[in-house]
Amino acid sequence: MDLGTTREGLREAVRRTIRDARIPSGPPLRPTRRAWQFDALVALTLGIATVYYGIDNVDNVVVREIAPGVVRAVPRPSGPGGLALMVTLAVIASGALALRRRYPLAVLCVVTAATLTTPHSVMRLTFYAFVIAVYSAAVYSPYRVATLAALPVSVVLVGTSGNSMTPIVPNEYIALLILAPMAVAAVGLRTWKLRTDEGRARLSALERDQAEALRRAVEHERARIARELHDVVTHNVSVMIIQAGAARKIMEASPEEAGEALLAVEASGRAAMTELRHVVGLLTMAAEGEATDGDPDLADRVAELAPQPGLGQLETLVGRVRDTGLPVDLTVTGPVRPLPPGLELAAYRVVQEALTNAVKHASGATAAVTVEYGPERLRVEVTDTGGHPGTGAAAGSGRGLIGLRERLAVYDGTLNTGRRLTGGYRVEALIPLETP
């Protein structure tokens, strides 16, 4: 391997590491007010204890037994200068801990520098603050790469900077040093359990919300299918009733015309059955999912389903309505162009519902259907000149118009309905179109 290539690879690895070290693995921690208060209390308590320790040990000489029968005198800082140094180091190391959650790496650097500056004979001034700073950087720092690099460096620097770095712990503090970690571990275990329970509760709530959303989606789909069935059945059955009634009245006087009316009833029934098969076919496909891949018969049945009606079938629709005795004029303006099937179906249903209402509630009137292809919108208008309610006509529930509004809302369309000043009724749908 070329030495130059190896060096270039090392440089690239170093550059990548430095770049990754500047990228946080997550957002910086935003401590709560209680966390700030706790950290300030820790900093204050440790600061008071270490400052007192520094004041109490100025001008002292400590004799330590470094081997059996071998003792060593360790003088501690003396004089005003020594006292000022110890108090300053204690305040800096302890005070920095107040920011240990918000800026953990910066606190670690500050406390490490203070620890390295502390004389070996009074390491208690900063050693405990150093331990807390190391823990805080490992737990709270969002810069994981930089933290993994800084922690061992700090520990090695503090551990190898001189002899007797680890402070001697008096016997009276041994029990405290044993019980304190146990208490911290117990509190941490309890906190972990509480957070686990909260997580489970949130997961259960999320599952319930998803189940509720699924239930609402199913109900919405059922409502959509119910509107389809309403549109299909209401129109065709209304036409069949009108035609059958007309055939009954003229059967004796004009059998040929009665036969034509019955043929129209048959055609309307077949049309209703075709559309019903399509709707039921949609339900079958939804229920059986991918079963068509392994069931040729089902695939054939699905393929035989007629497509949903669109604006191209308006002539047929208008012809069926004319057969009932209601004169209908169909006018199409503007350049005809293909539209999304769902949009065409919505426009078709507007005409179908409006003409159905005219057949039932405006007997003896004339109707007009206008379809206008505009550059930015499609306008569908159905008007009638007014008439009297047909035989068996009852007050409507309004569900048909509600269904139309919901259909048009899917495409940001609007529906305007109301009586005309010159008499009769008007239904107008405006549906935005994409620019061709």
Protein backbone atom coordinates (compact mmCIF):
# COMPACT_ATOMS: atom_id res chain seq x y z
CA MET A 1 0.00 0.00 0.00
CA ASP A 2 1.29 3.46 -0.89
CA LEU A 3 2.40 5.48 2.15
CA GLY A 4 0.92 8.65 0.69
CA THR A 5 -2.45 6.95 0.28
CA THR A 6 -2.32 5.78 3.90
CA ARG A 7 -1.57 9.26 5.17
CA GLU A 8 -4.34 10.75 3.07
CA GLY A 9 -6.76 8.16 4.46
CA LEU A 10 -5.74 9.03 8.01
CA ARG A 11 -6.18 12.73 7.33
CA GLU A 12 -9.64 12.07 5.87
CA ALA A 13 -10.57 9.97 8.91
CA VAL A 14 -9.40 12.75 11.25
CA ARG A 15 -11.35 15.37 9.28
CA ARG A 16 -14.45 13.18 9.33
CA THR A 17 -14.11 12.62 13.07
CA ILE A 18 -13.71 16.35 13.71
CA ARG A 19 -16.72 17.08 11.52
CA ASP A 20 -18.84 14.46 13.29
CA ALA A 21 -17.74 15.79 16.66
CA ARG A 22 -19.37 19.13 15.84
CA ILE A 23 -22.68 17.52 14.89
CA PRO A 24 -25.04 16.88 17.81
CA SER A 25 -26.85 13.56 17.92
CA GLY A 26 -29.91 15.31 19.29
CA PRO A 27 -31.20 18.68 20.50
CA PRO A 28 -29.51 20.21 23.55
CA LEU A 29 -31.19 19.42 26.84
CA ARG A 30 -33.56 22.06 28.14
CA PRO A 31 -33.52 21.55 31.90
CA THR A 32 -36.72 22.12 33.79
CA ARG A 33 -36.97 24.67 36.55
CA ARG A 34 -36.73 21.89 39.13
CA ALA A 35 -33.57 20.56 37.46
CA TRP A 36 -32.01 24.03 37.55
CA GLN A 37 -32.86 24.33 41.22
CA PHE A 38 -31.40 20.90 42.02
CA ASP A 39 -28.15 21.64 40.16
CA ALA A 40 -27.83 25.01 41.87
CA LEU A 41 -28.34 23.31 45.23
CA VAL A 42 -25.68 20.70 44.42
CA ALA A 43 -23.23 23.43 43.34
CA LEU A 44 -23.95 25.51 46.45
CA THR A 45 -23.65 22.57 48.86
CA LEU A 46 -20.43 21.27 47.32
CA GLY A 47 -19.05 24.81 47.10
CA ILE A 48 -19.67 25.51 50.80
CA ALA A 49 -18.16 22.17 51.80
CA THR A 50 -15.01 22.59 49.68
CA VAL A 51 -14.48 26.23 50.63
CA TYR A 52 -14.74 25.25 54.29
CA TYR A 53 -12.28 22.43 53.63
CA GLY A 54 -9.84 24.85 52.02
CA ILE A 55 -10.09 27.37 54.84
CA ASP A 56 -9.76 24.64 57.48
CA ASN A 57 -6.62 23.17 55.90
CA VAL A 58 -4.59 26.27 55.10
CA ASP A 59 -1.09 26.16 56.71
CA ASN A 60 -1.61 22.48 57.70
CA VAL A 61 0.97 19.74 57.26
CA VAL A 62 -0.35 16.22 56.72
CA VAL A 63 1.77 13.19 57.63
CA ARG A 64 0.94 10.12 55.53
CA GLU A 65 2.27 6.59 55.79
CA ILE A 66 3.20 5.68 52.22
CA ALA A 67 4.70 2.27 53.23
CA PRO A 68 5.06 0.21 56.41
CA GLY A 69 7.29 2.27 58.67
CA VAL A 70 7.72 4.99 56.03
CA VAL A 71 5.95 8.31 56.54
CA ARG A 72 5.85 11.42 54.43
CA ALA A 73 5.04 14.99 55.41
CA VAL A 74 2.74 16.70 52.88
CA PRO A 75 2.50 20.47 53.40
CA ARG A 76 -0.68 22.18 52.22
CA PRO A 77 -0.91 25.70 50.75
CA SER A 78 -0.20 28.37 53.31
CA GLY A 79 -0.61 32.06 53.68
CA PRO A 80 -3.15 34.40 52.09
CA GLY A 81 -2.07 33.35 48.61
CA GLY A 82 -2.65 29.69 49.35
CA LEU A 83 -6.05 30.42 50.89
CA ALA A 84 -7.12 32.55 47.92
CA LEU A 85 -6.01 29.82 45.49
CA MET A 86 -7.97 27.09 47.29
CA VAL A 87 -11.14 29.19 47.64
CA THR A 88 -10.97 30.23 43.97
CA LEU A 89 -10.54 26.65 42.76
CA ALA A 90 -13.36 25.40 45.00
CA VAL A 91 -15.74 28.12 43.79
CA ILE A 92 -14.92 27.59 40.09
CA ALA A 93 -15.17 23.78 40.20
CA SER A 94 -18.32 23.68 42.32
CA GLY A 95 -20.05 26.68 40.71
CA ALA A 96 -19.66 25.25 37.21
CA LEU A 97 -21.85 22.31 38.21
CA ALA A 98 -24.89 24.60 38.17
CA LEU A 99 -24.71 24.38 34.33
CA ARG A 100 -23.85 20.68 34.13
CA ARG A 101 -27.07 19.70 32.25
CA ARG A 102 -27.21 22.62 29.83
CA TYR A 103 -23.51 22.74 28.91
CA PRO A 104 -22.05 19.39 30.08
CA LEU A 105 -18.92 19.39 27.89
CA ALA A 106 -17.99 22.97 28.77
CA VAL A 107 -18.45 22.19 32.47
CA LEU A 108 -16.24 19.12 32.11
CA CYS A 109 -13.47 21.19 30.53
CA VAL A 110 -13.66 23.87 33.23
CA VAL A 111 -13.71 21.39 36.11
CA THR A 112 -10.89 19.33 34.55
CA ALA A 113 -8.73 22.46 34.27
CA ALA A 114 -9.49 23.36 37.90
CA THR A 115 -8.65 19.81 39.02
CA LEU A 116 -5.32 19.83 37.17
CA THR A 117 -4.49 23.18 38.81
CA THR A 118 -5.35 21.98 42.32
CA PRO A 119 -2.33 21.11 44.53
CA HIS A 120 -1.98 17.37 45.16
CA SER A 121 -2.25 17.80 48.91
CA VAL A 122 -5.80 19.29 48.72
CA MET A 123 -7.40 17.30 45.92
CA ARG A 124 -10.73 17.21 47.74
CA LEU A 125 -11.24 20.81 46.63
CA THR A 126 -12.08 19.75 43.08
CA PHE A 127 -12.03 15.94 42.87
CA TYR A 128 -15.70 15.40 43.76
CA ALA A 129 -16.76 18.14 41.36
CA PHE A 130 -14.68 16.37 38.68
CA VAL A 131 -16.52 13.08 39.28
CA ILE A 132 -19.90 14.81 38.93
CA ALA A 133 -18.76 16.63 35.78
CA VAL A 134 -17.63 13.36 34.16
CA TYR A 135 -20.99 11.76 34.96
CA SER A 136 -22.93 14.77 33.63
CA ALA A 137 -20.99 14.84 30.35
CA ALA A 138 -21.59 11.13 29.80
CA VAL A 139 -25.34 11.41 30.49
CA TYR A 140 -26.42 14.81 29.15
CA SER A 141 -24.09 15.84 26.31
CA PRO A 142 -25.74 15.73 22.84
CA TYR A 143 -22.32 15.66 21.16
CA ARG A 144 -21.66 11.94 21.49
CA VAL A 145 -18.47 11.80 19.41
CA ALA A 146 -16.90 14.74 21.21
CA THR A 147 -17.95 13.29 24.55
CA LEU A 148 -16.44 9.87 23.81
CA ALA A 149 -13.18 11.65 23.00
CA ALA A 150 -13.20 14.10 25.91
CA LEU A 151 -14.07 11.69 28.73
CA PRO A 152 -11.03 9.39 28.48
CA VAL A 153 -8.72 12.36 27.88
CA SER A 154 -9.96 14.10 31.04
CA VAL A 155 -9.73 10.96 33.14
CA VAL A 156 -6.20 10.14 31.89
CA LEU A 157 -5.00 13.71 32.46
CA VAL A 158 -6.33 13.82 36.00
CA GLY A 159 -5.17 10.29 36.80
CA THR A 160 -1.58 10.74 35.55
CA SER A 161 -0.84 14.36 36.43
CA GLY A 162 0.93 13.49 39.67
CA ASN A 163 1.22 11.14 42.66
CA SER A 164 -1.39 10.66 45.32
CA MET A 165 -4.10 12.28 43.18
CA THR A 166 -6.95 10.33 44.73
CA PRO A 167 -7.92 11.91 48.03
CA ILE A 168 -7.95 9.83 51.18
CA VAL A 169 -11.46 9.43 52.56
CA PRO A 170 -11.80 9.67 56.36
CA ASN A 171 -13.37 6.65 58.07
CA GLU A 172 -16.42 8.59 59.22
CA TYR A 173 -17.44 9.17 55.59
CA ILE A 174 -17.24 5.54 54.47
CA ALA A 175 -20.86 4.78 55.41
CA LEU A 176 -22.03 7.91 53.59
CA LEU A 177 -20.14 6.97 50.44
CA ILE A 178 -21.77 3.55 50.49
CA LEU A 179 -25.30 4.67 51.28
CA ALA A 180 -25.36 7.66 48.91
CA PRO A 181 -24.86 5.61 45.69
CA MET A 182 -27.42 3.11 46.94
CA ALA A 183 -29.95 5.89 47.46
CA VAL A 184 -29.17 7.37 44.04
CA ALA A 185 -29.57 3.94 42.43
CA ALA A 186 -32.90 3.42 44.19
CA VAL A 187 -34.19 6.81 43.05
CA GLY A 188 -32.99 6.11 39.51
CA LEU A 189 -34.71 2.73 39.49
CA ARG A 190 -37.96 4.27 40.69
CA THR A 191 -37.72 7.03 38.07
CA TRP A 192 -37.05 4.46 35.35
CA LYS A 193 -40.08 2.44 36.46
CA LEU A 194 -42.30 5.52 36.42
CA ARG A 195 -41.10 6.50 32.96
CA THR A 196 -41.62 2.95 31.74
CA ASP A 197 -45.19 2.98 33.05
CA GLU A 198 -45.78 6.36 31.42
CA GLY A 199 -44.41 5.02 28.14
CA ARG A 200 -46.71 2.02 28.31
CA ALA A 201 -49.66 4.28 29.05
CA ARG A 202 -48.80 6.50 26.06
CA LEU A 203 -48.43 3.43 23.85
CA SER A 204 -51.82 2.13 24.98
CA ALA A 205 -53.38 5.54 24.33
CA LEU A 206 -51.79 5.61 20.86
CA GLU A 207 -53.15 2.16 20.08
CA ARG A 208 -56.61 3.25 21.22
CA ASP A 209 -56.38 6.37 19.05
CA GLN A 210 -55.35 4.28 16.05
CA ALA A 211 -58.23 1.88 16.64
CA GLU A 212 -60.63 4.82 16.91
CA ALA A 213 -59.23 6.34 13.70
CA LEU A 214 -59.70 3.00 11.95
CA ARG A 215 -63.27 2.78 13.23
CA ARG A 216 -64.00 6.30 11.96
CA ALA A 217 -62.47 5.44 8.60
CA VAL A 218 -64.69 2.37 8.35
CA GLU A 219 -67.75 4.43 9.24
CA HIS A 220 -66.79 7.05 6.66
CA GLU A 221 -66.41 4.36 3.99
CA ARG A 222 -69.77 2.88 4.92
CA ALA A 223 -71.36 6.31 4.64
CA ARG A 224 -69.78 6.80 1.21
CA ILE A 225 -71.12 3.44 0.02
CA ALA A 226 -74.54 4.29 1.47
CA ARG A 227 -74.54 7.50 -0.57
CA GLU A 228 -73.63 5.49 -3.69
CA LEU A 229 -76.52 3.12 -3.04
CA HIS A 230 -78.86 6.05 -2.40
CA ASP A 231 -77.93 7.71 -5.68
CA VAL A 232 -78.22 4.51 -7.71
CA VAL A 233 -81.40 3.10 -6.22
CA THR A 234 -83.31 6.36 -5.78
CA HIS A 235 -82.89 7.51 -9.35
CA ASN A 236 -83.57 4.24 -11.11
CA VAL A 237 -86.42 3.15 -8.85
CA SER A 238 -88.07 6.57 -9.17
CA VAL A 239 -87.91 6.30 -12.94
CA MET A 240 -89.28 2.75 -12.78
CA ILE A 241 -92.21 3.84 -10.58
CA ILE A 242 -93.13 6.69 -12.92
CA GLN A 243 -92.93 4.48 -15.99
CA ALA A 244 -94.80 1.58 -14.41
CA GLY A 245 -97.58 3.96 -13.31
CA ALA A 246 -97.85 5.38 -16.82
CA ALA A 247 -97.97 1.87 -18.31
CA ARG A 248 -100.75 0.88 -15.91
CA LYS A 249 -102.86 3.88 -16.93
CA ILE A 250 -102.54 3.36 -20.69
CA MET A 251 -102.35 -0.43 -20.78
CA GLU A 252 -105.97 -0.88 -21.98
CA ALA A 253 -106.18 2.19 -24.20
CA SER A 254 -102.75 1.93 -25.84
CA PRO A 255 -101.05 -1.44 -25.35
CA GLU A 256 -98.12 -0.53 -27.63
CA GLU A 257 -97.21 2.58 -25.63
CA ALA A 258 -97.62 0.57 -22.42
CA GLY A 259 -95.20 -2.01 -23.80
CA GLU A 260 -92.65 0.72 -24.56
CA ALA A 261 -93.02 2.05 -21.01
CA LEU A 262 -92.45 -1.43 -19.60
CA LEU A 263 -89.38 -1.80 -21.79
CA ALA A 264 -88.13 1.47 -20.27
CA VAL A 265 -88.84 0.04 -16.78
CA GLU A 266 -86.82 -3.02 -17.71
CA ALA A 267 -83.93 -0.86 -18.98
CA SER A 268 -83.95 1.22 -15.79
CA GLY A 269 -83.96 -1.95 -13.70
CA ARG A 270 -81.01 -3.34 -15.62
CA ALA A 271 -79.12 -0.06 -15.19
CA ALA A 272 -79.83 -0.12 -11.46
CA MET A 273 -78.62 -3.70 -11.20
CA THR A 274 -75.43 -2.87 -13.13
CA GLU A 275 -74.55 -0.02 -10.80
CA LEU A 276 -75.50 -2.04 -7.73
CA ARG A 277 -73.23 -4.85 -8.90
CA HIS A 278 -70.41 -2.33 -9.20
CA VAL A 279 -70.90 -1.02 -5.66
CA VAL A 280 -71.20 -4.54 -4.24
CA GLY A 281 -68.14 -5.49 -6.28
CA LEU A 282 -66.20 -2.73 -4.59
CA LEU A 283 -67.25 -4.16 -1.23
CA THR A 284 -66.18 -7.63 -2.35
CA MET A 285 -62.76 -6.40 -3.44
CA ALA A 286 -62.29 -4.53 -0.18
CA ALA A 287 -63.26 -7.59 1.85
CA GLU A 288 -61.25 -10.15 -0.11
CA GLY A 289 -58.19 -7.96 -0.66
CA GLU A 290 -55.66 -9.71 -2.82
CA ALA A 291 -57.77 -12.83 -3.29
CA THR A 292 -58.23 -11.98 -6.98
CA ASP A 293 -54.65 -13.01 -7.60
CA GLY A 294 -55.46 -16.62 -6.75
CA ASP A 295 -59.16 -16.79 -7.75
CA PRO A 296 -59.73 -16.53 -11.55
CA ASP A 297 -63.51 -16.58 -11.16
CA LEU A 298 -63.44 -13.61 -8.82
CA ALA A 299 -61.05 -11.80 -11.13
CA ASP A 300 -63.45 -12.39 -14.03
CA ARG A 301 -66.36 -11.07 -12.00
CA VAL A 302 -64.40 -7.95 -11.09
CA ALA A 303 -63.40 -7.41 -14.71
CA GLU A 304 -67.05 -7.62 -15.77
CA LEU A 305 -68.07 -4.77 -13.49
CA ALA A 306 -69.09 -1.70 -15.44
CA PRO A 307 -67.14 1.51 -14.75
CA GLN A 308 -68.67 4.22 -12.62
CA PRO A 309 -70.74 6.63 -14.74
CA GLY A 310 -69.25 9.93 -15.82
CA LEU A 311 -70.09 12.95 -17.92
CA GLY A 312 -69.98 10.80 -21.05
CA GLN A 313 -73.11 8.98 -19.84
CA LEU A 314 -75.21 12.14 -19.41
CA GLU A 315 -76.95 11.61 -22.76
CA THR A 316 -78.10 8.18 -21.60
CA LEU A 317 -79.21 9.57 -18.24
CA VAL A 318 -81.12 12.42 -19.86
CA GLY A 319 -82.73 9.97 -22.31
CA ARG A 320 -84.03 7.81 -19.48
CA VAL A 321 -85.49 10.86 -17.76
CA ARG A 322 -87.16 11.98 -21.00
CA ASP A 323 -88.81 8.57 -21.18
CA THR A 324 -90.61 9.37 -17.93
CA GLY A 325 -92.32 12.34 -19.58
CA LEU A 326 -90.05 15.12 -18.31
CA PRO A 327 -88.60 17.14 -21.21
CA VAL A 328 -84.88 17.72 -20.59
CA ASP A 329 -82.51 19.85 -22.63
CA LEU A 330 -78.77 19.03 -22.39
CA THR A 331 -76.20 21.71 -23.28
CA VAL A 332 -72.42 21.21 -23.15
CA THR A 333 -70.19 24.26 -23.69
CA GLY A 334 -66.45 24.71 -23.72
CA PRO A 335 -63.74 22.35 -24.93
CA VAL A 336 -64.54 18.88 -23.59
CA ARG A 337 -61.52 17.22 -22.01
CA PRO A 338 -60.94 14.14 -19.86
CA LEU A 339 -61.28 14.67 -16.11
CA PRO A 340 -60.48 12.48 -13.08
CA PRO A 341 -63.04 9.63 -12.81
CA GLY A 342 -64.02 10.61 -9.26
CA LEU A 343 -64.66 14.20 -10.32
CA GLU A 344 -66.75 13.07 -13.30
CA LEU A 345 -68.71 10.73 -11.03
CA ALA A 346 -69.42 13.61 -8.62
CA ALA A 347 -70.67 15.82 -11.50
CA TYR A 348 -72.78 12.95 -12.85
CA ARG A 349 -74.36 12.41 -9.44
CA VAL A 350 -75.27 16.11 -9.25
CA VAL A 351 -77.23 15.84 -12.52
CA GLN A 352 -78.74 12.51 -11.49
CA GLU A 353 -79.93 13.76 -8.10
CA ALA A 354 -81.29 17.02 -9.50
CA LEU A 355 -83.23 15.28 -12.29
CA THR A 356 -84.54 12.67 -9.86
CA ASN A 357 -85.89 15.44 -7.64
CA ALA A 358 -87.42 17.14 -10.70
CA VAL A 359 -89.19 13.91 -11.71
CA LYS A 360 -90.60 13.47 -8.21
CA HIS A 361 -91.44 17.05 -7.29
CA ALA A 362 -91.87 18.96 -10.59
CA SER A 363 -94.28 16.90 -12.65
CA GLY A 364 -95.35 18.76 -15.78
CA ALA A 365 -92.26 20.97 -15.83
CA THR A 366 -89.34 21.11 -18.22
CA ALA A 367 -85.70 20.78 -17.17
CA ALA A 368 -82.37 21.96 -18.55
CA VAL A 369 -78.90 20.56 -17.88
CA THR A 370 -75.87 22.72 -18.60
CA VAL A 371 -72.28 21.46 -18.43
CA GLU A 372 -69.68 24.18 -18.91
CA TYR A 373 -65.99 23.27 -19.27
CA GLY A 374 -64.09 26.36 -18.20
CA PRO A 375 -60.33 26.90 -18.11
CA GLU A 376 -60.26 26.80 -14.30
CA ARG A 377 -63.51 25.16 -13.24
CA LEU A 378 -66.33 22.87 -14.28
CA ARG A 379 -69.86 24.24 -13.87
CA VAL A 380 -72.82 21.88 -13.79
CA GLU A 381 -76.31 23.41 -13.58
CA VAL A 382 -79.71 21.72 -13.53
CA THR A 383 -82.86 23.84 -13.58
CA ASP A 384 -86.57 23.15 -13.90
CA THR A 385 -89.51 25.43 -14.56
CA GLY A 386 -91.53 24.22 -11.61
CA GLY A 387 -94.50 21.89 -11.42
CA HIS A 388 -96.59 19.87 -8.99
CA PRO A 389 -95.41 16.88 -6.95
CA GLY A 390 -95.75 13.55 -8.69
CA THR A 391 -97.82 10.61 -7.52
CA GLY A 392 -96.37 9.16 -4.32
CA ALA A 393 -93.87 11.96 -3.90
CA ALA A 394 -93.01 12.66 -0.28
CA ALA A 395 -90.99 15.33 1.45
CA GLY A 396 -87.31 14.57 1.02
CA SER A 397 -84.90 14.02 3.90
CA GLY A 398 -82.20 16.18 2.32
CA ARG A 399 -79.66 13.37 2.46
CA GLY A 400 -79.18 13.47 -1.30
CA LEU A 401 -78.01 17.10 -1.30
CA ILE A 402 -75.86 16.45 1.80
CA GLY A 403 -74.18 13.61 -0.03
CA LEU A 404 -73.58 15.82 -3.06
CA ARG A 405 -71.96 18.51 -0.94
CA GLU A 406 -69.67 15.93 0.67
CA ARG A 407 -68.72 14.54 -2.74
CA LEU A 408 -67.92 17.98 -4.12
CA ALA A 409 -65.99 18.97 -0.98
CA VAL A 410 -63.46 16.25 -1.81
CA TYR A 411 -62.54 18.25 -4.94
CA ASP A 412 -62.91 21.68 -3.25
CA GLY A 413 -66.20 22.11 -5.10
CA THR A 414 -69.33 23.91 -3.94
CA LEU A 415 -73.04 23.25 -4.37
CA ASN A 416 -75.63 26.02 -4.64
CA THR A 417 -79.33 25.16 -4.51
CA GLY A 418 -82.51 27.16 -4.24
CA ARG A 419 -85.70 28.28 -5.87
CA ARG A 420 -85.57 30.48 -8.96
CA LEU A 421 -87.22 33.90 -9.11
CA THR A 422 -89.04 32.87 -12.27
CA GLY A 423 -90.26 29.66 -10.66
CA GLY A 424 -88.80 26.23 -10.37
CA TYR A 425 -85.61 25.00 -8.76
CA ARG A 426 -81.93 25.39 -9.54
CA VAL A 427 -78.95 23.20 -8.60
CA GLU A 428 -75.45 24.44 -9.48
CA ALA A 429 -72.11 22.74 -8.80
CA LEU A 430 -68.78 24.51 -9.24
CA ILE A 431 -65.68 22.29 -9.24
CA PRO A 432 -62.14 23.73 -9.62
CA LEU A 433 -60.06 22.18 -12.38
CA GLU A 434 -56.34 22.02 -12.97
CA THR A 435 -55.12 24.18 -15.82
CA PRO A 436 -54.94 21.97 -18.92
